[in-house]
Amino acid sequence: MRFNLIVFFFAVSLVACSPQADPAKVEKVNELKSRIDSSKRAFAKIDSTTGVGSAMQYNLNVQYLKTDYRDTVTEETARFVDKYYSLRKAMKLIRSTYARTAKEIRTTDERLGNLMHDLENGLIEEGQFQQYHQLESNNVALIEESVGDILYAYETVQPMYDEMNPKIDSLIQNDKREKAKPSE
């Protein structure tokens, strides 16, 4: 009985002496985690294979049209190609920022988890917490902006690309077949 009482007293004193996380700080970190989780859910709506693959194919098609396509086209075809070319900014955005944004989401989520762990274990001083919180707030804001830009580009441009690309592919394939024919 005396042994149980000693163990109980030791356990209570250990819990009482353990560092307690400031609820306001925990709430700040939880708010950042909630925002990054929202960004992860929005980012998951993007079919990476389709989006990035389309952006890569678009780049190849535009490059071919700019450098290798030499045939005369009708005015209607020229306007269509011009409209296709106008997708370039959104396609470049998807191609160049998708992987980086995915990595930033994973990294920031991990850092927020580490920050929460350190906070709960009393390993962060007040000044350090403010500095870490500001840094992570900035990172989360940049991620939210990047995800919003990519999602907007994907949702608006991908359907246009899907509609226009078969005609562009056909134009390119016809040109390649014409070039492959022996000269008469």
C-alpha atoms as a PDB file:
ATOM      1  CA  MET A   1       0.000   0.000   0.000  1.00  0.00           C
ATOM      2  CA  ARG A   2       2.788   2.358   0.916  1.00  0.00           C
ATOM      3  CA  PHE A   3       4.525   1.575  -2.409  1.00  0.00           C
ATOM      4  CA  ASN A   4       1.339   2.432  -4.369  1.00  0.00           C
ATOM      5  CA  LEU A   5       1.035   5.707  -2.488  1.00  0.00           C
ATOM      6  CA  ILE A   6       4.633   6.639  -3.332  1.00  0.00           C
ATOM      7  CA  VAL A   7       4.155   5.766  -7.007  1.00  0.00           C
ATOM      8  CA  PHE A   8       0.903   7.780  -7.071  1.00  0.00           C
ATOM      9  CA  PHE A   9       2.571  10.791  -5.420  1.00  0.00           C
ATOM     10  CA  PHE A  10       5.504  10.586  -7.834  1.00  0.00           C
ATOM     11  CA  ALA A  11       3.181  10.387 -10.865  1.00  0.00           C
ATOM     12  CA  VAL A  12       1.091  13.354  -9.697  1.00  0.00           C
ATOM     13  CA  SER A  13       4.172  15.478  -9.047  1.00  0.00           C
ATOM     14  CA  LEU A  14       5.628  14.516 -12.430  1.00  0.00           C
ATOM     15  CA  VAL A  15       2.450  15.599 -14.220  1.00  0.00           C
ATOM     16  CA  ALA A  16       2.210  18.785 -12.174  1.00  0.00           C
ATOM     17  CA  CYS A  17       5.824  19.718 -12.940  1.00  0.00           C
ATOM     18  CA  SER A  18       5.657  18.961 -16.649  1.00  0.00           C
ATOM     19  CA  PRO A  19       5.565  22.001 -18.916  1.00  0.00           C
ATOM     20  CA  GLN A  20       2.129  23.194 -19.898  1.00  0.00           C
ATOM     21  CA  ALA A  21       1.606  24.694 -23.330  1.00  0.00           C
ATOM     22  CA  ASP A  22       0.043  28.122 -23.476  1.00  0.00           C
ATOM     23  CA  PRO A  23      -3.491  27.582 -24.875  1.00  0.00           C
ATOM     24  CA  ALA A  24      -3.275  30.788 -26.939  1.00  0.00           C
ATOM     25  CA  LYS A  25      -0.096  29.555 -28.636  1.00  0.00           C
ATOM     26  CA  VAL A  26      -1.595  26.125 -29.227  1.00  0.00           C
ATOM     27  CA  GLU A  27      -4.637  27.798 -30.800  1.00  0.00           C
ATOM     28  CA  LYS A  28      -2.396  29.843 -33.128  1.00  0.00           C
ATOM     29  CA  VAL A  29      -0.585  26.726 -34.318  1.00  0.00           C
ATOM     30  CA  ASN A  30      -3.867  24.829 -34.699  1.00  0.00           C
ATOM     31  CA  GLU A  31      -5.218  27.673 -36.837  1.00  0.00           C
ATOM     32  CA  LEU A  32      -2.186  27.410 -39.131  1.00  0.00           C
ATOM     33  CA  LYS A  33      -2.581  23.626 -39.298  1.00  0.00           C
ATOM     34  CA  SER A  34      -6.235  24.076 -40.219  1.00  0.00           C
ATOM     35  CA  ARG A  35      -5.311  26.477 -43.030  1.00  0.00           C
ATOM     36  CA  ILE A  36      -2.641  24.124 -44.395  1.00  0.00           C
ATOM     37  CA  ASP A  37      -5.126  21.222 -44.250  1.00  0.00           C
ATOM     38  CA  SER A  38      -7.596  23.296 -46.285  1.00  0.00           C
ATOM     39  CA  SER A  39      -4.875  23.973 -48.835  1.00  0.00           C
ATOM     40  CA  LYS A  40      -4.043  20.256 -48.982  1.00  0.00           C
ATOM     41  CA  ARG A  41      -7.697  19.413 -49.689  1.00  0.00           C
ATOM     42  CA  ALA A  42      -7.913  22.056 -52.418  1.00  0.00           C
ATOM     43  CA  PHE A  43      -4.618  20.919 -53.923  1.00  0.00           C
ATOM     44  CA  ALA A  44      -5.841  17.312 -53.964  1.00  0.00           C
ATOM     45  CA  LYS A  45      -8.608  18.362 -56.391  1.00  0.00           C
ATOM     46  CA  ILE A  46      -5.953  18.783 -59.068  1.00  0.00           C
ATOM     47  CA  ASP A  47      -5.280  15.653 -61.092  1.00  0.00           C
ATOM     48  CA  SER A  48      -1.518  15.982 -61.205  1.00  0.00           C
ATOM     49  CA  THR A  49      -1.059  13.515 -64.052  1.00  0.00           C
ATOM     50  CA  THR A  50      -3.536  15.335 -66.253  1.00  0.00           C
ATOM     51  CA  GLY A  51      -2.540  18.870 -65.278  1.00  0.00           C
ATOM     52  CA  VAL A  52       1.222  18.522 -65.437  1.00  0.00           C
ATOM     53  CA  GLY A  53       1.062  16.125 -68.412  1.00  0.00           C
ATOM     54  CA  SER A  54      -1.139  18.544 -70.343  1.00  0.00           C
ATOM     55  CA  ALA A  55       1.192  21.422 -69.527  1.00  0.00           C
ATOM     56  CA  MET A  56       4.196  19.444 -70.779  1.00  0.00           C
ATOM     57  CA  GLN A  57       2.401  18.391 -73.979  1.00  0.00           C
ATOM     58  CA  TYR A  58       1.190  21.943 -74.498  1.00  0.00           C
ATOM     59  CA  ASN A  59       4.773  23.175 -74.261  1.00  0.00           C
ATOM     60  CA  LEU A  60       5.929  20.617 -76.856  1.00  0.00           C
ATOM     61  CA  ASN A  61       3.078  21.545 -79.206  1.00  0.00           C
ATOM     62  CA  VAL A  62       3.745  25.261 -78.947  1.00  0.00           C
ATOM     63  CA  GLN A  63       7.451  24.685 -79.482  1.00  0.00           C
ATOM     64  CA  TYR A  64       6.702  22.681 -82.635  1.00  0.00           C
ATOM     65  CA  LEU A  65       4.316  25.324 -83.938  1.00  0.00           C
ATOM     66  CA  LYS A  66       6.862  28.076 -83.315  1.00  0.00           C
ATOM     67  CA  THR A  67       9.916  26.355 -84.768  1.00  0.00           C
ATOM     68  CA  ASP A  68       8.980  23.531 -87.151  1.00  0.00           C
ATOM     69  CA  TYR A  69       5.546  24.335 -88.568  1.00  0.00           C
ATOM     70  CA  ARG A  70       6.035  26.090 -91.923  1.00  0.00           C
ATOM     71  CA  ASP A  71       2.782  25.475 -93.780  1.00  0.00           C
ATOM     72  CA  THR A  72       0.403  28.253 -94.787  1.00  0.00           C
ATOM     73  CA  VAL A  73      -2.838  28.151 -92.824  1.00  0.00           C
ATOM     74  CA  THR A  74      -6.260  29.666 -93.190  1.00  0.00           C
ATOM     75  CA  GLU A  75      -7.236  32.691 -91.156  1.00  0.00           C
ATOM     76  CA  GLU A  76      -9.545  30.533 -89.057  1.00  0.00           C
ATOM     77  CA  THR A  77      -6.710  28.109 -88.238  1.00  0.00           C
ATOM     78  CA  ALA A  78      -4.371  30.999 -87.439  1.00  0.00           C
ATOM     79  CA  ARG A  79      -6.917  32.425 -84.981  1.00  0.00           C
ATOM     80  CA  PHE A  80      -7.390  28.999 -83.433  1.00  0.00           C
ATOM     81  CA  VAL A  81      -3.635  28.581 -82.962  1.00  0.00           C
ATOM     82  CA  ASP A  82      -3.460  32.066 -81.468  1.00  0.00           C
ATOM     83  CA  LYS A  83      -6.233  31.196 -79.019  1.00  0.00           C
ATOM     84  CA  TYR A  84      -4.397  27.965 -78.152  1.00  0.00           C
ATOM     85  CA  TYR A  85      -1.205  29.935 -77.620  1.00  0.00           C
ATOM     86  CA  SER A  86      -3.032  32.233 -75.183  1.00  0.00           C
ATOM     87  CA  LEU A  87      -3.171  29.336 -72.684  1.00  0.00           C
ATOM     88  CA  ARG A  88       0.597  29.638 -72.180  1.00  0.00           C
ATOM     89  CA  LYS A  89       0.671  31.557 -68.878  1.00  0.00           C
ATOM     90  CA  ALA A  90      -1.649  29.170 -67.084  1.00  0.00           C
ATOM     91  CA  MET A  91       0.080  26.113 -68.510  1.00  0.00           C
ATOM     92  CA  LYS A  92       3.480  27.478 -67.509  1.00  0.00           C
ATOM     93  CA  LEU A  93       2.170  28.141 -64.001  1.00  0.00           C
ATOM     94  CA  ILE A  94       0.941  24.563 -63.651  1.00  0.00           C
ATOM     95  CA  ARG A  95       4.117  23.085 -65.124  1.00  0.00           C
ATOM     96  CA  SER A  96       6.542  25.176 -63.100  1.00  0.00           C
ATOM     97  CA  THR A  97       4.879  25.428 -59.679  1.00  0.00           C
ATOM     98  CA  TYR A  98       2.941  22.200 -59.111  1.00  0.00           C
ATOM     99  CA  ALA A  99       5.829  20.090 -57.755  1.00  0.00           C
ATOM    100  CA  ARG A 100       7.272  22.943 -55.700  1.00  0.00           C
ATOM    101  CA  THR A 101       3.891  23.683 -54.121  1.00  0.00           C
ATOM    102  CA  ALA A 102       3.322  20.017 -53.276  1.00  0.00           C
ATOM    103  CA  LYS A 103       6.724  19.908 -51.565  1.00  0.00           C
ATOM    104  CA  GLU A 104       6.039  23.150 -49.667  1.00  0.00           C
ATOM    105  CA  ILE A 105       2.728  21.789 -48.394  1.00  0.00           C
ATOM    106  CA  ARG A 106       4.402  18.638 -47.063  1.00  0.00           C
ATOM    107  CA  THR A 107       7.309  20.569 -45.529  1.00  0.00           C
ATOM    108  CA  THR A 108       5.142  23.210 -43.865  1.00  0.00           C
ATOM    109  CA  ASP A 109       2.747  20.602 -42.502  1.00  0.00           C
ATOM    110  CA  GLU A 110       5.690  18.716 -41.004  1.00  0.00           C
ATOM    111  CA  ARG A 111       7.186  21.897 -39.506  1.00  0.00           C
ATOM    112  CA  LEU A 112       3.846  22.818 -37.941  1.00  0.00           C
ATOM    113  CA  GLY A 113       3.664  19.356 -36.391  1.00  0.00           C
ATOM    114  CA  ASN A 114       7.168  19.801 -34.989  1.00  0.00           C
ATOM    115  CA  LEU A 115       6.288  23.274 -33.706  1.00  0.00           C
ATOM    116  CA  MET A 116       3.230  21.890 -31.909  1.00  0.00           C
ATOM    117  CA  HIS A 117       5.293  19.069 -30.407  1.00  0.00           C
ATOM    118  CA  ASP A 118       7.962  21.487 -29.167  1.00  0.00           C
ATOM    119  CA  LEU A 119       5.327  23.855 -27.838  1.00  0.00           C
ATOM    120  CA  GLU A 120       3.545  21.096 -25.913  1.00  0.00           C
ATOM    121  CA  ASN A 121       6.854  20.009 -24.385  1.00  0.00           C
ATOM    122  CA  GLY A 122       7.900  23.496 -23.341  1.00  0.00           C
ATOM    123  CA  LEU A 123      10.904  23.643 -25.644  1.00  0.00           C
ATOM    124  CA  ILE A 124      10.141  27.043 -27.169  1.00  0.00           C
ATOM    125  CA  GLU A 125      10.689  30.405 -25.545  1.00  0.00           C
ATOM    126  CA  GLU A 126       8.303  33.317 -26.124  1.00  0.00           C
ATOM    127  CA  GLY A 127      10.556  35.175 -28.561  1.00  0.00           C
ATOM    128  CA  GLN A 128      11.274  32.030 -30.519  1.00  0.00           C
ATOM    129  CA  PHE A 129       7.589  31.186 -30.735  1.00  0.00           C
ATOM    130  CA  GLN A 130       6.725  34.585 -32.187  1.00  0.00           C
ATOM    131  CA  GLN A 131       9.492  34.223 -34.746  1.00  0.00           C
ATOM    132  CA  TYR A 132       8.464  30.667 -35.726  1.00  0.00           C
ATOM    133  CA  HIS A 133       4.787  31.592 -35.835  1.00  0.00           C
ATOM    134  CA  GLN A 134       5.457  34.568 -38.114  1.00  0.00           C
ATOM    135  CA  LEU A 135       7.607  32.462 -40.433  1.00  0.00           C
ATOM    136  CA  GLU A 136       5.022  29.691 -40.670  1.00  0.00           C
ATOM    137  CA  SER A 137       2.185  32.208 -41.117  1.00  0.00           C
ATOM    138  CA  ASN A 138       4.029  33.648 -44.099  1.00  0.00           C
ATOM    139  CA  ASN A 139       4.655  30.163 -45.514  1.00  0.00           C
ATOM    140  CA  VAL A 140       1.002  29.183 -45.146  1.00  0.00           C
ATOM    141  CA  ALA A 141      -0.130  32.407 -46.834  1.00  0.00           C
ATOM    142  CA  LEU A 142       2.225  31.775 -49.765  1.00  0.00           C
ATOM    143  CA  ILE A 143       0.993  28.192 -50.071  1.00  0.00           C
ATOM    144  CA  GLU A 144      -2.640  29.321 -50.021  1.00  0.00           C
ATOM    145  CA  GLU A 145      -1.903  31.824 -52.791  1.00  0.00           C
ATOM    146  CA  SER A 146      -0.002  29.289 -54.870  1.00  0.00           C
ATOM    147  CA  VAL A 147      -2.685  26.614 -54.472  1.00  0.00           C
ATOM    148  CA  GLY A 148      -5.371  29.131 -55.406  1.00  0.00           C
ATOM    149  CA  ASP A 149      -3.468  30.184 -58.536  1.00  0.00           C
ATOM    150  CA  ILE A 150      -2.797  26.610 -59.645  1.00  0.00           C
ATOM    151  CA  LEU A 151      -6.348  25.487 -58.930  1.00  0.00           C
ATOM    152  CA  TYR A 152      -7.801  28.429 -60.850  1.00  0.00           C
ATOM    153  CA  ALA A 153      -5.491  27.758 -63.806  1.00  0.00           C
ATOM    154  CA  TYR A 154      -6.325  24.057 -63.752  1.00  0.00           C
ATOM    155  CA  GLU A 155     -10.088  24.514 -63.473  1.00  0.00           C
ATOM    156  CA  THR A 156     -10.333  27.203 -66.164  1.00  0.00           C
ATOM    157  CA  VAL A 157      -7.619  26.277 -68.654  1.00  0.00           C
ATOM    158  CA  GLN A 158      -7.640  22.471 -68.565  1.00  0.00           C
ATOM    159  CA  PRO A 159     -11.135  22.193 -70.123  1.00  0.00           C
ATOM    160  CA  MET A 160     -10.117  24.649 -72.857  1.00  0.00           C
ATOM    161  CA  TYR A 161      -6.932  22.672 -73.488  1.00  0.00           C
ATOM    162  CA  ASP A 162      -8.866  19.388 -73.615  1.00  0.00           C
ATOM    163  CA  GLU A 163     -11.211  20.872 -76.188  1.00  0.00           C
ATOM    164  CA  MET A 164      -8.537  22.492 -78.365  1.00  0.00           C
ATOM    165  CA  ASN A 165      -5.680  20.000 -78.206  1.00  0.00           C
ATOM    166  CA  PRO A 166      -7.084  17.339 -80.582  1.00  0.00           C
ATOM    167  CA  LYS A 167      -7.247  19.886 -83.408  1.00  0.00           C
ATOM    168  CA  ILE A 168      -3.714  21.121 -82.649  1.00  0.00           C
ATOM    169  CA  ASP A 169      -2.420  17.529 -82.515  1.00  0.00           C
ATOM    170  CA  SER A 170      -4.094  16.839 -85.839  1.00  0.00           C
ATOM    171  CA  LEU A 171      -2.508  19.944 -87.357  1.00  0.00           C
ATOM    172  CA  ILE A 172       0.924  18.900 -86.128  1.00  0.00           C
ATOM    173  CA  GLN A 173       0.549  15.265 -87.220  1.00  0.00           C
ATOM    174  CA  ASN A 174      -0.585  16.329 -90.709  1.00  0.00           C
ATOM    175  CA  ASP A 175       2.445  18.604 -90.976  1.00  0.00           C
ATOM    176  CA  LYS A 176       4.778  15.810 -89.881  1.00  0.00           C
ATOM    177  CA  ARG A 177       3.236  13.431 -92.453  1.00  0.00           C
ATOM    178  CA  GLU A 178       3.658  16.030 -95.189  1.00  0.00           C
ATOM    179  CA  LYS A 179       7.300  16.506 -94.263  1.00  0.00           C
ATOM    180  CA  ALA A 180       7.876  12.747 -94.214  1.00  0.00           C
ATOM    181  CA  LYS A 181       6.606  12.312 -97.806  1.00  0.00           C
ATOM    182  CA  PRO A 182       9.331  12.046-100.379  1.00  0.00           C
ATOM    183  CA  SER A 183       9.765  15.122-102.563  1.00  0.00           C
ATOM    184  CA  GLU A 184       8.393  14.857-106.056  1.00  0.00           C
END
